[in-house]
Amino acid sequence: MSLKRILTPLPAASAPLRRQAAAMSTAAVTKMNLFTAVNDAMRIAMKTDDTAVVFGEDVAFGGVFRCSVGLREEFGNDRVFNTPLCEQVGAPPRPTTPPRFRRGRRRLVMP
């Protein structure tokens, strides 16, 4: 390929990326920070999919980083609800070990 061909600009009709960039430049742009972007993405997902839910520690109150503010009021308690962290549930009463076999005989021994 020649350098002249590489540097020659393409016409707008044949360049899909240019058309996409031109369409994006005419669209309305909203400035937002990361919290607002995450909240907006969850809101869009919940509006488009009726089976989508948000659950976690304190998400019904806005979450630790305030990313789920207003979702419970908009979508209800059935779709936005609090759940405990797994560390808060508790440990098993004794350590679990995998079953093992005795030597010689193939009899299963549960600890």
PDB file of N, CA and C in Angstrom:
ATOM      1  N   MET A   1       0.831  -1.171   0.000  1.00  0.00           N
ATOM      2  CA  MET A   1       0.000   0.000   0.000  1.00  0.00           C
ATOM      3  C   MET A   1       0.877   1.236   0.000  1.00  0.00           C
ATOM      4  N   SER A   2       0.476   2.198  -0.759  1.00  0.00           N
ATOM      5  CA  SER A   2       1.289   3.404  -0.829  1.00  0.00           C
ATOM      6  C   SER A   2       0.908   4.359   0.291  1.00  0.00           C
ATOM      7  N   LEU A   3       1.829   5.211   0.646  1.00  0.00           N
ATOM      8  CA  LEU A   3       1.601   6.190   1.706  1.00  0.00           C
ATOM      9  C   LEU A   3       0.518   7.177   1.291  1.00  0.00           C
ATOM     10  N   LYS A   4       0.450   7.490  -0.008  1.00  0.00           N
ATOM     11  CA  LYS A   4      -0.552   8.421  -0.500  1.00  0.00           C
ATOM     12  C   LYS A   4      -1.958   7.860  -0.285  1.00  0.00           C
ATOM     13  N   ARG A   5      -2.120   6.556  -0.537  1.00  0.00           N
ATOM     14  CA  ARG A   5      -3.429   5.929  -0.348  1.00  0.00           C
ATOM     15  C   ARG A   5      -3.817   5.905   1.125  1.00  0.00           C
ATOM     16  N   ILE A   6      -2.863   5.690   2.003  1.00  0.00           N
ATOM     17  CA  ILE A   6      -3.151   5.651   3.439  1.00  0.00           C
ATOM     18  C   ILE A   6      -3.568   7.026   3.941  1.00  0.00           C
ATOM     19  N   LEU A   7      -2.926   8.066   3.461  1.00  0.00           N
ATOM     20  CA  LEU A   7      -3.195   9.410   3.948  1.00  0.00           C
ATOM     21  C   LEU A   7      -4.369  10.087   3.248  1.00  0.00           C
ATOM     22  N   THR A   8      -4.905   9.510   2.201  1.00  0.00           N
ATOM     23  CA  THR A   8      -6.027  10.109   1.488  1.00  0.00           C
ATOM     24  C   THR A   8      -7.297   9.925   2.299  1.00  0.00           C
ATOM     25  N   PRO A   9      -8.003  11.023   2.612  1.00  0.00           N
ATOM     26  CA  PRO A   9      -9.231  10.886   3.405  1.00  0.00           C
ATOM     27  C   PRO A   9     -10.328  10.186   2.617  1.00  0.00           C
ATOM     28  N   LEU A  10     -11.140   9.417   3.305  1.00  0.00           N
ATOM     29  CA  LEU A  10     -12.253   8.715   2.684  1.00  0.00           C
ATOM     30  C   LEU A  10     -13.474   9.628   2.623  1.00  0.00           C
ATOM     31  N   PRO A  11     -14.330   9.452   1.634  1.00  0.00           N
ATOM     32  CA  PRO A  11     -15.580  10.220   1.625  1.00  0.00           C
ATOM     33  C   PRO A  11     -16.478   9.777   2.774  1.00  0.00           C
ATOM     34  N   ALA A  12     -17.288  10.688   3.278  1.00  0.00           N
ATOM     35  CA  ALA A  12     -18.104  10.412   4.467  1.00  0.00           C
ATOM     36  C   ALA A  12     -19.098   9.283   4.239  1.00  0.00           C
ATOM     37  N   ALA A  13     -19.620   9.143   3.024  1.00  0.00           N
ATOM     38  CA  ALA A  13     -20.624   8.105   2.761  1.00  0.00           C
ATOM     39  C   ALA A  13     -20.040   6.701   2.841  1.00  0.00           C
ATOM     40  N   SER A  14     -18.743   6.546   2.582  1.00  0.00           N
ATOM     41  CA  SER A  14     -18.162   5.210   2.583  1.00  0.00           C
ATOM     42  C   SER A  14     -17.474   4.869   3.899  1.00  0.00           C
ATOM     43  N   ALA A  15     -17.448   5.777   4.833  1.00  0.00           N
ATOM     44  CA  ALA A  15     -16.772   5.530   6.106  1.00  0.00           C
ATOM     45  C   ALA A  15     -17.802   5.405   7.225  1.00  0.00           C
ATOM     46  N   PRO A  16     -18.123   4.177   7.656  1.00  0.00           N
ATOM     47  CA  PRO A  16     -19.141   4.011   8.702  1.00  0.00           C
ATOM     48  C   PRO A  16     -18.762   4.670  10.023  1.00  0.00           C
ATOM     49  N   LEU A  17     -17.485   4.680  10.358  1.00  0.00           N
ATOM     50  CA  LEU A  17     -17.091   5.311  11.621  1.00  0.00           C
ATOM     51  C   LEU A  17     -17.310   6.815  11.577  1.00  0.00           C
ATOM     52  N   ARG A  18     -17.086   7.415  10.429  1.00  0.00           N
ATOM     53  CA  ARG A  18     -17.324   8.857  10.317  1.00  0.00           C
ATOM     54  C   ARG A  18     -18.812   9.176  10.423  1.00  0.00           C
ATOM     55  N   ARG A  19     -19.641   8.336   9.808  1.00  0.00           N
ATOM     56  CA  ARG A  19     -21.084   8.565   9.926  1.00  0.00           C
ATOM     57  C   ARG A  19     -21.529   8.420  11.370  1.00  0.00           C
ATOM     58  N   GLN A  20     -20.988   7.412  12.048  1.00  0.00           N
ATOM     59  CA  GLN A  20     -21.350   7.203  13.443  1.00  0.00           C
ATOM     60  C   GLN A  20     -20.873   8.379  14.286  1.00  0.00           C
ATOM     61  N   ALA A  21     -19.672   8.870  14.052  1.00  0.00           N
ATOM     62  CA  ALA A  21     -19.160  10.016  14.795  1.00  0.00           C
ATOM     63  C   ALA A  21     -19.985  11.258  14.511  1.00  0.00           C
ATOM     64  N   ALA A  22     -20.411  11.430  13.275  1.00  0.00           N
ATOM     65  CA  ALA A  22     -21.235  12.586  12.942  1.00  0.00           C
ATOM     66  C   ALA A  22     -22.592  12.506  13.635  1.00  0.00           C
ATOM     67  N   ALA A  23     -23.165  11.308  13.702  1.00  0.00           N
ATOM     68  CA  ALA A  23     -24.449  11.138  14.385  1.00  0.00           C
ATOM     69  C   ALA A  23     -24.302  11.383  15.878  1.00  0.00           C
ATOM     70  N   MET A  24     -23.175  10.961  16.449  1.00  0.00           N
ATOM     71  CA  MET A  24     -22.948  11.166  17.878  1.00  0.00           C
ATOM     72  C   MET A  24     -22.731  12.631  18.199  1.00  0.00           C
ATOM     73  N   SER A  25     -22.114  13.371  17.296  1.00  0.00           N
ATOM     74  CA  SER A  25     -21.845  14.768  17.586  1.00  0.00           C
ATOM     75  C   SER A  25     -23.112  15.601  17.573  1.00  0.00           C
ATOM     76  N   THR A  26     -24.165  15.140  16.873  1.00  0.00           N
ATOM     77  CA  THR A  26     -25.417  15.884  16.865  1.00  0.00           C
ATOM     78  C   THR A  26     -26.352  15.451  17.986  1.00  0.00           C
ATOM     79  N   ALA A  27     -26.087  14.311  18.623  1.00  0.00           N
ATOM     80  CA  ALA A  27     -26.934  13.822  19.713  1.00  0.00           C
ATOM     81  C   ALA A  27     -26.671  14.628  20.984  1.00  0.00           C
ATOM     82  N   ALA A  28     -27.677  14.670  21.854  1.00  0.00           N
ATOM     83  CA  ALA A  28     -27.528  15.381  23.120  1.00  0.00           C
ATOM     84  C   ALA A  28     -26.585  14.605  24.032  1.00  0.00           C
ATOM     85  N   VAL A  29     -25.674  15.313  24.638  1.00  0.00           N
ATOM     86  CA  VAL A  29     -24.698  14.694  25.526  1.00  0.00           C
ATOM     87  C   VAL A  29     -24.948  15.192  26.940  1.00  0.00           C
ATOM     88  N   THR A  30     -25.016  14.272  27.872  1.00  0.00           N
ATOM     89  CA  THR A  30     -25.208  14.619  29.268  1.00  0.00           C
ATOM     90  C   THR A  30     -23.922  14.348  30.019  1.00  0.00           C
ATOM     91  N   LYS A  31     -23.421  15.345  30.700  1.00  0.00           N
ATOM     92  CA  LYS A  31     -22.227  15.136  31.518  1.00  0.00           C
ATOM     93  C   LYS A  31     -22.646  14.499  32.833  1.00  0.00           C
ATOM     94  N   MET A  32     -21.932  13.450  33.217  1.00  0.00           N
ATOM     95  CA  MET A  32     -22.246  12.788  34.486  1.00  0.00           C
ATOM     96  C   MET A  32     -20.984  12.178  35.060  1.00  0.00           C
ATOM     97  N   ASN A  33     -21.015  11.994  36.372  1.00  0.00           N
ATOM     98  CA  ASN A  33     -19.882  11.332  37.017  1.00  0.00           C
ATOM     99  C   ASN A  33     -20.143   9.827  37.050  1.00  0.00           C
ATOM    100  N   LEU A  34     -19.233   9.074  37.646  1.00  0.00           N
ATOM    101  CA  LEU A  34     -19.341   7.612  37.647  1.00  0.00           C
ATOM    102  C   LEU A  34     -20.578   7.142  38.399  1.00  0.00           C
ATOM    103  N   PHE A  35     -20.913   7.772  39.531  1.00  0.00           N
ATOM    104  CA  PHE A  35     -22.091   7.371  40.301  1.00  0.00           C
ATOM    105  C   PHE A  35     -23.351   7.506  39.458  1.00  0.00           C
ATOM    106  N   THR A  36     -23.484   8.642  38.791  1.00  0.00           N
ATOM    107  CA  THR A  36     -24.662   8.900  37.980  1.00  0.00           C
ATOM    108  C   THR A  36     -24.729   7.949  36.792  1.00  0.00           C
ATOM    109  N   ALA A  37     -23.593   7.631  36.203  1.00  0.00           N
ATOM    110  CA  ALA A  37     -23.562   6.723  35.061  1.00  0.00           C
ATOM    111  C   ALA A  37     -24.005   5.316  35.477  1.00  0.00           C
ATOM    112  N   VAL A  38     -23.532   4.835  36.628  1.00  0.00           N
ATOM    113  CA  VAL A  38     -23.926   3.502  37.117  1.00  0.00           C
ATOM    114  C   VAL A  38     -25.416   3.492  37.448  1.00  0.00           C
ATOM    115  N   ASN A  39     -25.896   4.537  38.113  1.00  0.00           N
ATOM    116  CA  ASN A  39     -27.310   4.639  38.456  1.00  0.00           C
ATOM    117  C   ASN A  39     -28.164   4.669  37.193  1.00  0.00           C
ATOM    118  N   ASP A  40     -27.742   5.428  36.202  1.00  0.00           N
ATOM    119  CA  ASP A  40     -28.480   5.524  34.951  1.00  0.00           C
ATOM    120  C   ASP A  40     -28.498   4.182  34.227  1.00  0.00           C
ATOM    121  N   ALA A  41     -27.378   3.464  34.237  1.00  0.00           N
ATOM    122  CA  ALA A  41     -27.326   2.146  33.589  1.00  0.00           C
ATOM    123  C   ALA A  41     -28.257   1.152  34.280  1.00  0.00           C
ATOM    124  N   MET A  42     -28.288   1.161  35.612  1.00  0.00           N
ATOM    125  CA  MET A  42     -29.199   0.259  36.327  1.00  0.00           C
ATOM    126  C   MET A  42     -30.653   0.642  36.061  1.00  0.00           C
ATOM    127  N   ARG A  43     -30.938   1.932  36.002  1.00  0.00           N
ATOM    128  CA  ARG A  43     -32.299   2.394  35.725  1.00  0.00           C
ATOM    129  C   ARG A  43     -32.752   1.952  34.326  1.00  0.00           C
ATOM    130  N   ILE A  44     -31.883   2.093  33.329  1.00  0.00           N
ATOM    131  CA  ILE A  44     -32.218   1.668  31.970  1.00  0.00           C
ATOM    132  C   ILE A  44     -32.446   0.161  31.914  1.00  0.00           C
ATOM    133  N   ALA A  45     -31.580  -0.608  32.591  1.00  0.00           N
ATOM    134  CA  ALA A  45     -31.725  -2.066  32.606  1.00  0.00           C
ATOM    135  C   ALA A  45     -33.042  -2.478  33.254  1.00  0.00           C
ATOM    136  N   MET A  46     -33.413  -1.811  34.341  1.00  0.00           N
ATOM    137  CA  MET A  46     -34.646  -2.177  35.034  1.00  0.00           C
ATOM    138  C   MET A  46     -35.891  -1.727  34.268  1.00  0.00           C
ATOM    139  N   LYS A  47     -35.776  -0.647  33.493  1.00  0.00           N
ATOM    140  CA  LYS A  47     -36.909  -0.208  32.675  1.00  0.00           C
ATOM    141  C   LYS A  47     -37.134  -1.142  31.492  1.00  0.00           C
ATOM    142  N   THR A  48     -36.052  -1.645  30.912  1.00  0.00           N
ATOM    143  CA  THR A  48     -36.180  -2.478  29.718  1.00  0.00           C
ATOM    144  C   THR A  48     -36.421  -3.948  30.025  1.00  0.00           C
ATOM    145  N   ASP A  49     -36.029  -4.409  31.221  1.00  0.00           N
ATOM    146  CA  ASP A  49     -36.182  -5.820  31.579  1.00  0.00           C
ATOM    147  C   ASP A  49     -36.947  -5.926  32.889  1.00  0.00           C
ATOM    148  N   ASP A  50     -38.148  -6.444  32.825  1.00  0.00           N
ATOM    149  CA  ASP A  50     -38.988  -6.543  34.026  1.00  0.00           C
ATOM    150  C   ASP A  50     -38.475  -7.571  35.022  1.00  0.00           C
ATOM    151  N   THR A  51     -37.573  -8.445  34.613  1.00  0.00           N
ATOM    152  CA  THR A  51     -37.044  -9.453  35.528  1.00  0.00           C
ATOM    153  C   THR A  51     -35.763  -8.993  36.227  1.00  0.00           C
ATOM    154  N   ALA A  52     -35.239  -7.833  35.879  1.00  0.00           N
ATOM    155  CA  ALA A  52     -34.004  -7.336  36.494  1.00  0.00           C
ATOM    156  C   ALA A  52     -34.278  -6.878  37.919  1.00  0.00           C
ATOM    157  N   VAL A  53     -33.376  -7.247  38.824  1.00  0.00           N
ATOM    158  CA  VAL A  53     -33.467  -6.822  40.221  1.00  0.00           C
ATOM    159  C   VAL A  53     -32.108  -6.295  40.671  1.00  0.00           C
ATOM    160  N   VAL A  54     -32.138  -5.485  41.716  1.00  0.00           N
ATOM    161  CA  VAL A  54     -30.914  -4.982  42.334  1.00  0.00           C
ATOM    162  C   VAL A  54     -30.971  -5.382  43.797  1.00  0.00           C
ATOM    163  N   PHE A  55     -29.962  -6.120  44.252  1.00  0.00           N
ATOM    164  CA  PHE A  55     -29.928  -6.478  45.667  1.00  0.00           C
ATOM    165  C   PHE A  55     -28.500  -6.472  46.151  1.00  0.00           C
ATOM    166  N   GLY A  56     -28.329  -6.202  47.422  1.00  0.00           N
ATOM    167  CA  GLY A  56     -27.008  -6.136  48.029  1.00  0.00           C
ATOM    168  C   GLY A  56     -27.088  -5.404  49.349  1.00  0.00           C
ATOM    169  N   GLU A  57     -25.955  -5.135  49.914  1.00  0.00           N
ATOM    170  CA  GLU A  57     -25.920  -4.469  51.218  1.00  0.00           C
ATOM    171  C   GLU A  57     -26.285  -3.001  51.053  1.00  0.00           C
ATOM    172  N   ASP A  58     -27.367  -2.593  51.680  1.00  0.00           N
ATOM    173  CA  ASP A  58     -27.848  -1.208  51.732  1.00  0.00           C
ATOM    174  C   ASP A  58     -28.208  -0.613  50.381  1.00  0.00           C
ATOM    175  N   VAL A  59     -28.477  -1.412  49.355  1.00  0.00           N
ATOM    176  CA  VAL A  59     -28.832  -0.829  48.063  1.00  0.00           C
ATOM    177  C   VAL A  59     -30.205  -0.180  48.096  1.00  0.00           C
ATOM    178  N   ALA A  60     -31.091  -0.617  48.962  1.00  0.00           N
ATOM    179  CA  ALA A  60     -32.406  -0.003  49.050  1.00  0.00           C
ATOM    180  C   ALA A  60     -32.312   1.432  49.577  1.00  0.00           C
ATOM    181  N   PHE A  61     -31.234   1.740  50.289  1.00  0.00           N
ATOM    182  CA  PHE A  61     -31.041   3.089  50.830  1.00  0.00           C
ATOM    183  C   PHE A  61     -30.098   3.916  49.968  1.00  0.00           C
ATOM    184  N   GLY A  62     -29.694   3.401  48.834  1.00  0.00           N
ATOM    185  CA  GLY A  62     -28.788   4.128  47.962  1.00  0.00           C
ATOM    186  C   GLY A  62     -27.442   3.462  47.825  1.00  0.00           C
ATOM    187  N   GLY A  63     -27.145   2.495  48.662  1.00  0.00           N
ATOM    188  CA  GLY A  63     -25.870   1.786  48.589  1.00  0.00           C
ATOM    189  C   GLY A  63     -24.736   2.547  49.242  1.00  0.00           C
ATOM    190  N   VAL A  64     -23.633   1.877  49.386  1.00  0.00           N
ATOM    191  CA  VAL A  64     -22.468   2.479  50.040  1.00  0.00           C
ATOM    192  C   VAL A  64     -21.950   3.666  49.240  1.00  0.00           C
ATOM    193  N   PHE A  65     -21.967   3.545  47.921  1.00  0.00           N
ATOM    194  CA  PHE A  65     -21.448   4.613  47.068  1.00  0.00           C
ATOM    195  C   PHE A  65     -22.557   5.460  46.467  1.00  0.00           C
ATOM    196  N   ARG A  66     -23.797   5.300  46.958  1.00  0.00           N
ATOM    197  CA  ARG A  66     -24.949   6.087  46.519  1.00  0.00           C
ATOM    198  C   ARG A  66     -25.302   5.847  45.047  1.00  0.00           C
ATOM    199  N   CYS A  67     -24.966   4.680  44.522  1.00  0.00           N
ATOM    200  CA  CYS A  67     -25.212   4.389  43.103  1.00  0.00           C
ATOM    201  C   CYS A  67     -26.641   3.920  42.835  1.00  0.00           C
ATOM    202  N   SER A  68     -27.367   3.524  43.853  1.00  0.00           N
ATOM    203  CA  SER A  68     -28.728   3.033  43.629  1.00  0.00           C
ATOM    204  C   SER A  68     -29.776   3.969  44.227  1.00  0.00           C
ATOM    205  N   VAL A  69     -29.443   5.237  44.347  1.00  0.00           N
ATOM    206  CA  VAL A  69     -30.367   6.220  44.917  1.00  0.00           C
ATOM    207  C   VAL A  69     -31.594   6.349  44.019  1.00  0.00           C
ATOM    208  N   GLY A  70     -32.772   6.263  44.630  1.00  0.00           N
ATOM    209  CA  GLY A  70     -34.021   6.470  43.906  1.00  0.00           C
ATOM    210  C   GLY A  70     -34.574   5.249  43.199  1.00  0.00           C
ATOM    211  N   LEU A  71     -33.827   4.162  43.146  1.00  0.00           N
ATOM    212  CA  LEU A  71     -34.315   2.976  42.430  1.00  0.00           C
ATOM    213  C   LEU A  71     -35.451   2.289  43.173  1.00  0.00           C
ATOM    214  N   ARG A  72     -35.370   2.231  44.499  1.00  0.00           N
ATOM    215  CA  ARG A  72     -36.428   1.562  45.268  1.00  0.00           C
ATOM    216  C   ARG A  72     -37.750   2.317  45.131  1.00  0.00           C
ATOM    217  N   GLU A  73     -37.686   3.642  45.158  1.00  0.00           N
ATOM    218  CA  GLU A  73     -38.901   4.439  45.029  1.00  0.00           C
ATOM    219  C   GLU A  73     -39.524   4.271  43.636  1.00  0.00           C
ATOM    220  N   GLU A  74     -38.680   4.125  42.622  1.00  0.00           N
ATOM    221  CA  GLU A  74     -39.186   4.021  41.254  1.00  0.00           C
ATOM    222  C   GLU A  74     -39.671   2.614  40.908  1.00  0.00           C
ATOM    223  N   PHE A  75     -38.968   1.575  41.390  1.00  0.00           N
ATOM    224  CA  PHE A  75     -39.277   0.206  40.970  1.00  0.00           C
ATOM    225  C   PHE A  75     -39.870  -0.662  42.075  1.00  0.00           C
ATOM    226  N   GLY A  76     -39.892  -0.194  43.303  1.00  0.00           N
ATOM    227  CA  GLY A  76     -40.542  -0.921  44.392  1.00  0.00           C
ATOM    228  C   GLY A  76     -39.618  -1.834  45.171  1.00  0.00           C
ATOM    229  N   ASN A  77     -40.151  -2.285  46.326  1.00  0.00           N
ATOM    230  CA  ASN A  77     -39.378  -3.138  47.243  1.00  0.00           C
ATOM    231  C   ASN A  77     -39.145  -4.538  46.708  1.00  0.00           C
ATOM    232  N   ASP A  78     -39.957  -4.996  45.761  1.00  0.00           N
ATOM    233  CA  ASP A  78     -39.788  -6.343  45.220  1.00  0.00           C
ATOM    234  C   ASP A  78     -38.591  -6.450  44.281  1.00  0.00           C
ATOM    235  N   ARG A  79     -38.173  -5.331  43.697  1.00  0.00           N
ATOM    236  CA  ARG A  79     -37.077  -5.367  42.721  1.00  0.00           C
ATOM    237  C   ARG A  79     -35.792  -4.747  43.233  1.00  0.00           C
ATOM    238  N   VAL A  80     -35.856  -3.964  44.303  1.00  0.00           N
ATOM    239  CA  VAL A  80     -34.658  -3.350  44.899  1.00  0.00           C
ATOM    240  C   VAL A  80     -34.731  -3.621  46.393  1.00  0.00           C
ATOM    241  N   PHE A  81     -33.846  -4.496  46.882  1.00  0.00           N
ATOM    242  CA  PHE A  81     -33.933  -4.872  48.288  1.00  0.00           C
ATOM    243  C   PHE A  81     -32.546  -5.159  48.859  1.00  0.00           C
ATOM    244  N   ASN A  82     -32.451  -5.068  50.181  1.00  0.00           N
ATOM    245  CA  ASN A  82     -31.197  -5.294  50.899  1.00  0.00           C
ATOM    246  C   ASN A  82     -30.989  -6.779  51.175  1.00  0.00           C
ATOM    247  N   THR A  83     -29.746  -7.213  51.132  1.00  0.00           N
ATOM    248  CA  THR A  83     -29.364  -8.559  51.540  1.00  0.00           C
ATOM    249  C   THR A  83     -28.095  -8.453  52.359  1.00  0.00           C
ATOM    250  N   PRO A  84     -27.872  -9.364  53.292  1.00  0.00           N
ATOM    251  CA  PRO A  84     -26.633  -9.310  54.083  1.00  0.00           C
ATOM    252  C   PRO A  84     -25.430  -9.776  53.276  1.00  0.00           C
ATOM    253  N   LEU A  85     -24.273  -9.359  53.707  1.00  0.00           N
ATOM    254  CA  LEU A  85     -23.040  -9.871  53.116  1.00  0.00           C
ATOM    255  C   LEU A  85     -22.867 -11.323  53.510  1.00  0.00           C
ATOM    256  N   CYS A  86     -22.128 -12.082  52.726  1.00  0.00           N
ATOM    257  CA  CYS A  86     -21.950 -13.502  53.032  1.00  0.00           C
ATOM    258  C   CYS A  86     -21.160 -13.697  54.326  1.00  0.00           C
ATOM    259  N   GLU A  87     -20.296 -12.747  54.689  1.00  0.00           N
ATOM    260  CA  GLU A  87     -19.535 -12.884  55.936  1.00  0.00           C
ATOM    261  C   GLU A  87     -20.436 -12.752  57.156  1.00  0.00           C
ATOM    262  N   GLN A  88     -21.592 -12.120  56.999  1.00  0.00           N
ATOM    263  CA  GLN A  88     -22.481 -11.894  58.125  1.00  0.00           C
ATOM    264  C   GLN A  88     -23.393 -13.088  58.394  1.00  0.00           C
ATOM    265  N   VAL A  89     -23.436 -14.048  57.507  1.00  0.00           N
ATOM    266  CA  VAL A  89     -24.344 -15.183  57.658  1.00  0.00           C
ATOM    267  C   VAL A  89     -23.835 -16.141  58.718  1.00  0.00           C
ATOM    268  N   GLY A  90     -22.537 -16.386  58.770  1.00  0.00           N
ATOM    269  CA  GLY A  90     -21.974 -17.276  59.763  1.00  0.00           C
ATOM    270  C   GLY A  90     -21.187 -18.403  59.130  1.00  0.00           C
ATOM    271  N   ALA A  91     -20.418 -19.069  59.933  1.00  0.00           N
ATOM    272  CA  ALA A  91     -19.574 -20.163  59.466  1.00  0.00           C
ATOM    273  C   ALA A  91     -20.266 -21.496  59.742  1.00  0.00           C
ATOM    274  N   PRO A  92     -19.908 -22.554  59.021  1.00  0.00           N
ATOM    275  CA  PRO A  92     -20.484 -23.868  59.314  1.00  0.00           C
ATOM    276  C   PRO A  92     -20.035 -24.333  60.702  1.00  0.00           C
ATOM    277  N   PRO A  93     -20.794 -25.225  61.341  1.00  0.00           N
ATOM    278  CA  PRO A  93     -20.459 -25.645  62.707  1.00  0.00           C
ATOM    279  C   PRO A  93     -19.114 -26.364  62.820  1.00  0.00           C
ATOM    280  N   ARG A  94     -18.690 -27.065  61.781  1.00  0.00           N
ATOM    281  CA  ARG A  94     -17.378 -27.701  61.793  1.00  0.00           C
ATOM    282  C   ARG A  94     -16.800 -27.619  60.390  1.00  0.00           C
ATOM    283  N   PRO A  95     -15.513 -27.677  60.284  1.00  0.00           N
ATOM    284  CA  PRO A  95     -14.926 -27.610  58.941  1.00  0.00           C
ATOM    285  C   PRO A  95     -15.360 -28.795  58.098  1.00  0.00           C
ATOM    286  N   THR A  96     -15.654 -28.549  56.878  1.00  0.00           N
ATOM    287  CA  THR A  96     -16.065 -29.631  55.992  1.00  0.00           C
ATOM    288  C   THR A  96     -14.844 -30.179  55.274  1.00  0.00           C
ATOM    289  N   THR A  97     -14.766 -31.483  55.212  1.00  0.00           N
ATOM    290  CA  THR A  97     -13.664 -32.142  54.512  1.00  0.00           C
ATOM    291  C   THR A  97     -14.263 -33.083  53.473  1.00  0.00           C
ATOM    292  N   PRO A  98     -13.570 -33.281  52.384  1.00  0.00           N
ATOM    293  CA  PRO A  98     -14.111 -34.188  51.372  1.00  0.00           C
ATOM    294  C   PRO A  98     -14.096 -35.630  51.871  1.00  0.00           C
ATOM    295  N   PRO A  99     -15.003 -36.475  51.387  1.00  0.00           N
ATOM    296  CA  PRO A  99     -14.978 -37.879  51.790  1.00  0.00           C
ATOM    297  C   PRO A  99     -13.699 -38.553  51.293  1.00  0.00           C
ATOM    298  N   ARG A 100     -13.232 -39.562  52.038  1.00  0.00           N
ATOM    299  CA  ARG A 100     -12.006 -40.241  51.630  1.00  0.00           C
ATOM    300  C   ARG A 100     -12.225 -41.754  51.678  1.00  0.00           C
ATOM    301  N   PHE A 101     -11.349 -42.472  51.001  1.00  0.00           N
ATOM    302  CA  PHE A 101     -11.431 -43.920  50.946  1.00  0.00           C
ATOM    303  C   PHE A 101     -10.327 -44.521  51.806  1.00  0.00           C
ATOM    304  N   ARG A 102     -10.636 -45.647  52.464  1.00  0.00           N
ATOM    305  CA  ARG A 102      -9.607 -46.377  53.207  1.00  0.00           C
ATOM    306  C   ARG A 102      -8.774 -47.179  52.234  1.00  0.00           C
ATOM    307  N   ARG A 103      -7.549 -47.408  52.624  1.00  0.00           N
ATOM    308  CA  ARG A 103      -6.670 -48.222  51.775  1.00  0.00           C
ATOM    309  C   ARG A 103      -7.135 -49.672  51.778  1.00  0.00           C
ATOM    310  N   GLY A 104      -6.939 -50.302  50.670  1.00  0.00           N
ATOM    311  CA  GLY A 104      -7.301 -51.717  50.569  1.00  0.00           C
ATOM    312  C   GLY A 104      -8.733 -51.874  50.126  1.00  0.00           C
ATOM    313  N   ARG A 105      -9.646 -51.563  51.007  1.00  0.00           N
ATOM    314  CA  ARG A 105     -11.057 -51.693  50.660  1.00  0.00           C
ATOM    315  C   ARG A 105     -11.564 -50.361  50.107  1.00  0.00           C
ATOM    316  N   ARG A 106     -12.478 -50.404  49.175  1.00  0.00           N
ATOM    317  CA  ARG A 106     -13.012 -49.189  48.554  1.00  0.00           C
ATOM    318  C   ARG A 106     -14.308 -48.784  49.245  1.00  0.00           C
ATOM    319  N   ARG A 107     -14.235 -48.683  50.565  1.00  0.00           N
ATOM    320  CA  ARG A 107     -15.421 -48.302  51.314  1.00  0.00           C
ATOM    321  C   ARG A 107     -15.337 -46.815  51.634  1.00  0.00           C
ATOM    322  N   LEU A 108     -16.398 -46.108  51.413  1.00  0.00           N
ATOM    323  CA  LEU A 108     -16.439 -44.677  51.652  1.00  0.00           C
ATOM    324  C   LEU A 108     -16.514 -44.407  53.142  1.00  0.00           C
ATOM    325  N   VAL A 109     -15.645 -43.546  53.647  1.00  0.00           N
ATOM    326  CA  VAL A 109     -15.625 -43.197  55.069  1.00  0.00           C
ATOM    327  C   VAL A 109     -15.891 -41.701  55.164  1.00  0.00           C
ATOM    328  N   MET A 110     -16.947 -41.361  55.859  1.00  0.00           N
ATOM    329  CA  MET A 110     -17.259 -39.946  56.073  1.00  0.00           C
ATOM    330  C   MET A 110     -16.643 -39.496  57.381  1.00  0.00           C
ATOM    331  N   PRO A 111     -15.932 -38.380  57.400  1.00  0.00           N
ATOM    332  CA  PRO A 111     -15.315 -37.933  58.671  1.00  0.00           C
ATOM    333  C   PRO A 111     -16.343 -37.457  59.666  1.00  0.00           C
TER     334      PRO A 111
END
